[in-house]
C-alpha atoms as a PDB file:
ATOM      1  CA  UNK A   1      38.367  26.951 -59.541  1.00  0.00           C
ATOM      2  CA  UNK A   2      40.957  27.118 -56.867  1.00  0.00           C
ATOM      3  CA  UNK A   3      40.055  27.984 -53.369  1.00  0.00           C
ATOM      4  CA  UNK A   4      42.265  30.544 -51.639  1.00  0.00           C
ATOM      5  CA  UNK A   5      42.764  28.382 -48.536  1.00  0.00           C
ATOM      6  CA  UNK A   6      43.462  24.786 -47.788  1.00  0.00           C
ATOM      7  CA  UNK A   7      42.522  22.540 -44.944  1.00  0.00           C
ATOM      8  CA  UNK A   8      45.148  20.291 -43.648  1.00  0.00           C
ATOM      9  CA  UNK A   9      43.856  16.939 -42.310  1.00  0.00           C
ATOM     10  CA  UNK A  10      44.212  16.485 -38.548  1.00  0.00           C
ATOM     11  CA  UNK A  11      43.740  13.521 -36.197  1.00  0.00           C
ATOM     12  CA  UNK A  12      40.339  11.790 -36.125  1.00  0.00           C
ATOM     13  CA  UNK A  13      39.480  13.071 -32.643  1.00  0.00           C
ATOM     14  CA  UNK A  14      41.383  16.117 -31.520  1.00  0.00           C
ATOM     15  CA  UNK A  15      40.090  18.022 -28.517  1.00  0.00           C
ATOM     16  CA  UNK A  16      41.151  19.142 -25.102  1.00  0.00           C
ATOM     17  CA  UNK A  17      40.990  16.435 -22.412  1.00  0.00           C
ATOM     18  CA  UNK A  18      39.828  19.012 -19.893  1.00  0.00           C
ATOM     19  CA  UNK A  19      36.600  19.514 -21.881  1.00  0.00           C
ATOM     20  CA  UNK A  20      35.891  15.770 -21.658  1.00  0.00           C
ATOM     21  CA  UNK A  21      36.513  15.705 -17.879  1.00  0.00           C
ATOM     22  CA  UNK A  22      34.346  18.716 -17.358  1.00  0.00           C
ATOM     23  CA  UNK A  23      31.493  17.063 -19.258  1.00  0.00           C
ATOM     24  CA  UNK A  24      31.769  13.901 -17.251  1.00  0.00           C
ATOM     25  CA  UNK A  25      31.834  15.863 -14.008  1.00  0.00           C
ATOM     26  CA  UNK A  26      28.741  17.803 -15.156  1.00  0.00           C
ATOM     27  CA  UNK A  27      26.801  14.624 -15.933  1.00  0.00           C
ATOM     28  CA  UNK A  28      27.776  13.100 -12.574  1.00  0.00           C
ATOM     29  CA  UNK A  29      26.665  16.280 -10.791  1.00  0.00           C
ATOM     30  CA  UNK A  30      23.312  16.191 -12.570  1.00  0.00           C
ATOM     31  CA  UNK A  31      22.759  12.540 -11.604  1.00  0.00           C
ATOM     32  CA  UNK A  32      23.676  13.311  -8.002  1.00  0.00           C
ATOM     33  CA  UNK A  33      21.285  16.259  -7.856  1.00  0.00           C
ATOM     34  CA  UNK A  34      18.478  14.168  -9.377  1.00  0.00           C
ATOM     35  CA  UNK A  35      18.948  11.329  -6.851  1.00  0.00           C
ATOM     36  CA  UNK A  36      19.105  13.695  -3.895  1.00  0.00           C
ATOM     37  CA  UNK A  37      15.941  15.488  -5.027  1.00  0.00           C
ATOM     38  CA  UNK A  38      14.167  12.152  -5.518  1.00  0.00           C
ATOM     39  CA  UNK A  39      15.120  10.979  -2.033  1.00  0.00           C
ATOM     40  CA  UNK A  40      14.094  14.268  -0.516  1.00  0.00           C
ATOM     41  CA  UNK A  41      10.705  14.475  -2.341  1.00  0.00           C
ATOM     42  CA  UNK A  42       9.628  10.868  -2.486  1.00  0.00           C
ATOM     43  CA  UNK A  43      11.450   9.138   0.350  1.00  0.00           C
ATOM     44  CA  UNK A  44      14.002   7.324  -1.780  1.00  0.00           C
ATOM     45  CA  UNK A  45      14.069   4.083  -3.642  1.00  0.00           C
ATOM     46  CA  UNK A  46      13.070   1.725  -0.799  1.00  0.00           C
ATOM     47  CA  UNK A  47      10.605  -1.043  -1.532  1.00  0.00           C
ATOM     48  CA  UNK A  48       7.724  -1.484   0.800  1.00  0.00           C
ATOM     49  CA  UNK A  49       7.659  -5.237   1.161  1.00  0.00           C
ATOM     50  CA  UNK A  50       6.810  -7.016   4.353  1.00  0.00           C
ATOM     51  CA  UNK A  51       6.740 -10.729   4.838  1.00  0.00           C
ATOM     52  CA  UNK A  52       5.397 -12.387   7.881  1.00  0.00           C
ATOM     53  CA  UNK A  53       4.262 -10.639  11.056  1.00  0.00           C
ATOM     54  CA  UNK A  54       6.622  -7.958  12.266  1.00  0.00           C
ATOM     55  CA  UNK A  55       4.395  -7.273  15.275  1.00  0.00           C
ATOM     56  CA  UNK A  56       5.021  -8.694  18.691  1.00  0.00           C
ATOM     57  CA  UNK A  57       2.027 -10.098  20.529  1.00  0.00           C
ATOM     58  CA  UNK A  58       1.704  -6.860  22.595  1.00  0.00           C
ATOM     59  CA  UNK A  59       1.819  -4.673  19.472  1.00  0.00           C
ATOM     60  CA  UNK A  60      -0.667  -6.951  17.729  1.00  0.00           C
ATOM     61  CA  UNK A  61      -3.267  -6.365  20.429  1.00  0.00           C
ATOM     62  CA  UNK A  62      -2.535  -2.607  20.402  1.00  0.00           C
ATOM     63  CA  UNK A  63      -3.185  -2.559  16.676  1.00  0.00           C
ATOM     64  CA  UNK A  64      -6.359  -4.508  17.175  1.00  0.00           C
ATOM     65  CA  UNK A  65      -7.566  -1.893  19.651  1.00  0.00           C
ATOM     66  CA  UNK A  66      -6.704   0.882  17.192  1.00  0.00           C
ATOM     67  CA  UNK A  67      -8.831  -0.734  14.445  1.00  0.00           C
ATOM     68  CA  UNK A  68     -11.706  -1.317  16.858  1.00  0.00           C
ATOM     69  CA  UNK A  69     -11.636   2.364  17.737  1.00  0.00           C
ATOM     70  CA  UNK A  70     -11.742   3.201  14.030  1.00  0.00           C
ATOM     71  CA  UNK A  71     -14.780   0.973  13.677  1.00  0.00           C
ATOM     72  CA  UNK A  72     -16.393   2.709  16.654  1.00  0.00           C
ATOM     73  CA  UNK A  73     -15.791   6.030  14.923  1.00  0.00           C
ATOM     74  CA  UNK A  74     -17.317   4.748  11.700  1.00  0.00           C
ATOM     75  CA  UNK A  75     -20.343   3.466  13.604  1.00  0.00           C
ATOM     76  CA  UNK A  76     -20.796   6.875  15.216  1.00  0.00           C
ATOM     77  CA  UNK A  77     -20.387   8.759  11.919  1.00  0.00           C
ATOM     78  CA  UNK A  78     -22.886   6.447  10.213  1.00  0.00           C
ATOM     79  CA  UNK A  79     -25.431   6.894  13.000  1.00  0.00           C
ATOM     80  CA  UNK A  80     -25.008  10.659  12.691  1.00  0.00           C
ATOM     81  CA  UNK A  81     -25.571  10.494   8.908  1.00  0.00           C
ATOM     82  CA  UNK A  82     -22.069  11.723   8.079  1.00  0.00           C
ATOM     83  CA  UNK A  83     -21.309   8.535   6.075  1.00  0.00           C
ATOM     84  CA  UNK A  84     -23.686   6.851   3.715  1.00  0.00           C
ATOM     85  CA  UNK A  85     -24.284   3.110   3.524  1.00  0.00           C
ATOM     86  CA  UNK A  86     -21.928   2.531   0.573  1.00  0.00           C
ATOM     87  CA  UNK A  87     -19.181   4.650   2.159  1.00  0.00           C
ATOM     88  CA  UNK A  88     -19.519   2.720   5.382  1.00  0.00           C
ATOM     89  CA  UNK A  89     -19.048  -0.613   3.593  1.00  0.00           C
ATOM     90  CA  UNK A  90     -16.101   0.738   1.674  1.00  0.00           C
ATOM     91  CA  UNK A  91     -14.518   1.946   4.873  1.00  0.00           C
ATOM     92  CA  UNK A  92     -15.161  -1.409   6.645  1.00  0.00           C
ATOM     93  CA  UNK A  93     -13.490  -3.296   3.785  1.00  0.00           C
ATOM     94  CA  UNK A  94     -10.533  -0.937   3.845  1.00  0.00           C
ATOM     95  CA  UNK A  95     -10.255  -1.216   7.667  1.00  0.00           C
ATOM     96  CA  UNK A  96     -10.331  -5.023   7.634  1.00  0.00           C
ATOM     97  CA  UNK A  97      -7.758  -5.234   4.817  1.00  0.00           C
ATOM     98  CA  UNK A  98      -5.560  -2.617   6.565  1.00  0.00           C
ATOM     99  CA  UNK A  99      -5.755  -4.496   9.868  1.00  0.00           C
ATOM    100  CA  UNK A 100      -4.637  -7.697   8.202  1.00  0.00           C
ATOM    101  CA  UNK A 101      -1.810  -5.918   6.389  1.00  0.00           C
ATOM    102  CA  UNK A 102      -0.614  -4.327   9.613  1.00  0.00           C
ATOM    103  CA  UNK A 103      -0.792  -7.605  11.514  1.00  0.00           C
ATOM    104  CA  UNK A 104       0.550  -9.999   8.904  1.00  0.00           C
ATOM    105  CA  UNK A 105       2.056  -8.093   5.976  1.00  0.00           C
ATOM    106  CA  UNK A 106      -0.430  -9.663   3.527  1.00  0.00           C
ATOM    107  CA  UNK A 107      -1.389  -7.064   0.907  1.00  0.00           C
ATOM    108  CA  UNK A 108      -5.105  -7.606   0.784  1.00  0.00           C
ATOM    109  CA  UNK A 109      -5.743  -4.013  -0.279  1.00  0.00           C
ATOM    110  CA  UNK A 110      -4.349  -4.988  -3.690  1.00  0.00           C
ATOM    111  CA  UNK A 111      -6.459  -8.111  -3.977  1.00  0.00           C
ATOM    112  CA  UNK A 112      -9.989  -8.573  -5.275  1.00  0.00           C
ATOM    113  CA  UNK A 113     -12.496 -10.800  -3.495  1.00  0.00           C
ATOM    114  CA  UNK A 114     -11.816 -13.534  -6.048  1.00  0.00           C
ATOM    115  CA  UNK A 115      -8.084 -13.345  -5.428  1.00  0.00           C
ATOM    116  CA  UNK A 116      -8.613 -13.613  -1.658  1.00  0.00           C
ATOM    117  CA  UNK A 117     -10.952 -16.651  -2.149  1.00  0.00           C
ATOM    118  CA  UNK A 118      -8.306 -18.430  -4.252  1.00  0.00           C
ATOM    119  CA  UNK A 119      -5.894 -18.578  -1.340  1.00  0.00           C
ATOM    120  CA  UNK A 120      -6.439 -21.243   1.328  1.00  0.00           C
ATOM    121  CA  UNK A 121      -4.651 -19.716   4.313  1.00  0.00           C
ATOM    122  CA  UNK A 122      -6.762 -19.207   7.478  1.00  0.00           C
ATOM    123  CA  UNK A 123      -6.333 -15.443   7.207  1.00  0.00           C
ATOM    124  CA  UNK A 124      -7.633 -15.341   3.627  1.00  0.00           C
ATOM    125  CA  UNK A 125     -10.586 -17.573   4.485  1.00  0.00           C
ATOM    126  CA  UNK A 126     -11.680 -15.433   7.422  1.00  0.00           C
ATOM    127  CA  UNK A 127     -11.198 -12.283   5.398  1.00  0.00           C
ATOM    128  CA  UNK A 128     -13.099 -13.667   2.399  1.00  0.00           C
ATOM    129  CA  UNK A 129     -16.206 -14.239   4.554  1.00  0.00           C
ATOM    130  CA  UNK A 130     -16.191 -10.598   5.733  1.00  0.00           C
ATOM    131  CA  UNK A 131     -15.407  -9.133   2.325  1.00  0.00           C
ATOM    132  CA  UNK A 132     -18.220 -11.224   0.750  1.00  0.00           C
ATOM    133  CA  UNK A 133     -20.639  -9.587   3.170  1.00  0.00           C
ATOM    134  CA  UNK A 134     -19.462  -6.107   2.060  1.00  0.00           C
ATOM    135  CA  UNK A 135     -19.668  -6.600  -1.684  1.00  0.00           C
ATOM    136  CA  UNK A 136     -23.380  -6.455  -2.370  1.00  0.00           C
ATOM    137  CA  UNK A 137     -24.041  -3.314  -0.213  1.00  0.00           C
ATOM    138  CA  UNK A 138     -20.814  -1.695  -1.407  1.00  0.00           C
ATOM    139  CA  UNK A 139     -21.472  -2.059  -5.142  1.00  0.00           C
ATOM    140  CA  UNK A 140     -25.204  -2.581  -5.619  1.00  0.00           C
ATOM    141  CA  UNK A 141     -27.508   0.363  -6.268  1.00  0.00           C
ATOM    142  CA  UNK A 142     -30.003  -0.941  -3.715  1.00  0.00           C
ATOM    143  CA  UNK A 143     -29.360  -3.175  -0.744  1.00  0.00           C
ATOM    144  CA  UNK A 144     -31.251  -4.461   2.234  1.00  0.00           C
ATOM    145  CA  UNK A 145     -28.050  -4.984   4.259  1.00  0.00           C
ATOM    146  CA  UNK A 146     -28.047  -3.780   7.849  1.00  0.00           C
ATOM    147  CA  UNK A 147     -25.001  -1.543   8.102  1.00  0.00           C
ATOM    148  CA  UNK A 148     -24.941  -1.344  11.903  1.00  0.00           C
ATOM    149  CA  UNK A 149     -25.102  -5.169  12.135  1.00  0.00           C
ATOM    150  CA  UNK A 150     -22.242  -5.377   9.649  1.00  0.00           C
ATOM    151  CA  UNK A 151     -20.108  -2.960  11.698  1.00  0.00           C
ATOM    152  CA  UNK A 152     -20.856  -5.047  14.795  1.00  0.00           C
ATOM    153  CA  UNK A 153     -19.922  -8.274  12.960  1.00  0.00           C
ATOM    154  CA  UNK A 154     -16.670  -6.739  11.745  1.00  0.00           C
ATOM    155  CA  UNK A 155     -15.827  -5.562  15.261  1.00  0.00           C
ATOM    156  CA  UNK A 156     -16.593  -9.036  16.566  1.00  0.00           C
ATOM    157  CA  UNK A 157     -14.413 -10.717  13.983  1.00  0.00           C
ATOM    158  CA  UNK A 158     -11.457  -8.373  14.678  1.00  0.00           C
ATOM    159  CA  UNK A 159     -11.976  -8.761  18.435  1.00  0.00           C
ATOM    160  CA  UNK A 160     -11.783 -12.580  18.258  1.00  0.00           C
ATOM    161  CA  UNK A 161      -8.728 -12.792  16.053  1.00  0.00           C
ATOM    162  CA  UNK A 162      -5.672 -13.793  18.033  1.00  0.00           C
ATOM    163  CA  UNK A 163      -1.944 -13.629  17.613  1.00  0.00           C
ATOM    164  CA  UNK A 164      -0.437 -17.084  17.160  1.00  0.00           C
ATOM    165  CA  UNK A 165       3.302 -17.361  17.581  1.00  0.00           C
ATOM    166  CA  UNK A 166       3.455 -20.757  15.791  1.00  0.00           C
ATOM    167  CA  UNK A 167       1.690 -19.424  12.694  1.00  0.00           C
ATOM    168  CA  UNK A 168       3.017 -15.853  12.985  1.00  0.00           C
ATOM    169  CA  UNK A 169      -0.299 -14.584  11.821  1.00  0.00           C
ATOM    170  CA  UNK A 170      -3.817 -14.031  13.038  1.00  0.00           C
ATOM    171  CA  UNK A 171      -5.747 -17.026  14.011  1.00  0.00           C
END
């Protein structure tokens, strides 16, 4: 059976170069739009990594006062019954870890109590003693811990931490 038409062989790849350039331009435009949208929505691709203490001595003491005010607020809310015992201990733990991060750049919010205890820096040792006091009342169903005394102890510890230029961290 003979077919009424024939197909003549052509080159392996035969197309218009303008189509290829248009495709590349379209892909580049899509990547550009994606990157711009990501930067606009999520703040870009920057890594949040801090090493050492970026605070000056003056800023350190201002941060310390800020965290002491936050503890005062927690104390007041706890006394008024707006925060329960467990919530107060969670907030104290978060405040202490946040204070240390702001002052030193150490990411204690991402560390467990065991991780903190494994480190032997003065900051970790001081923090471990406070966090240890929070664990039982924060996680146990029943606790005899005195929340107001714990808030006072936390305020006292933050109040006595100092900025040391030689160490670059809290002392």
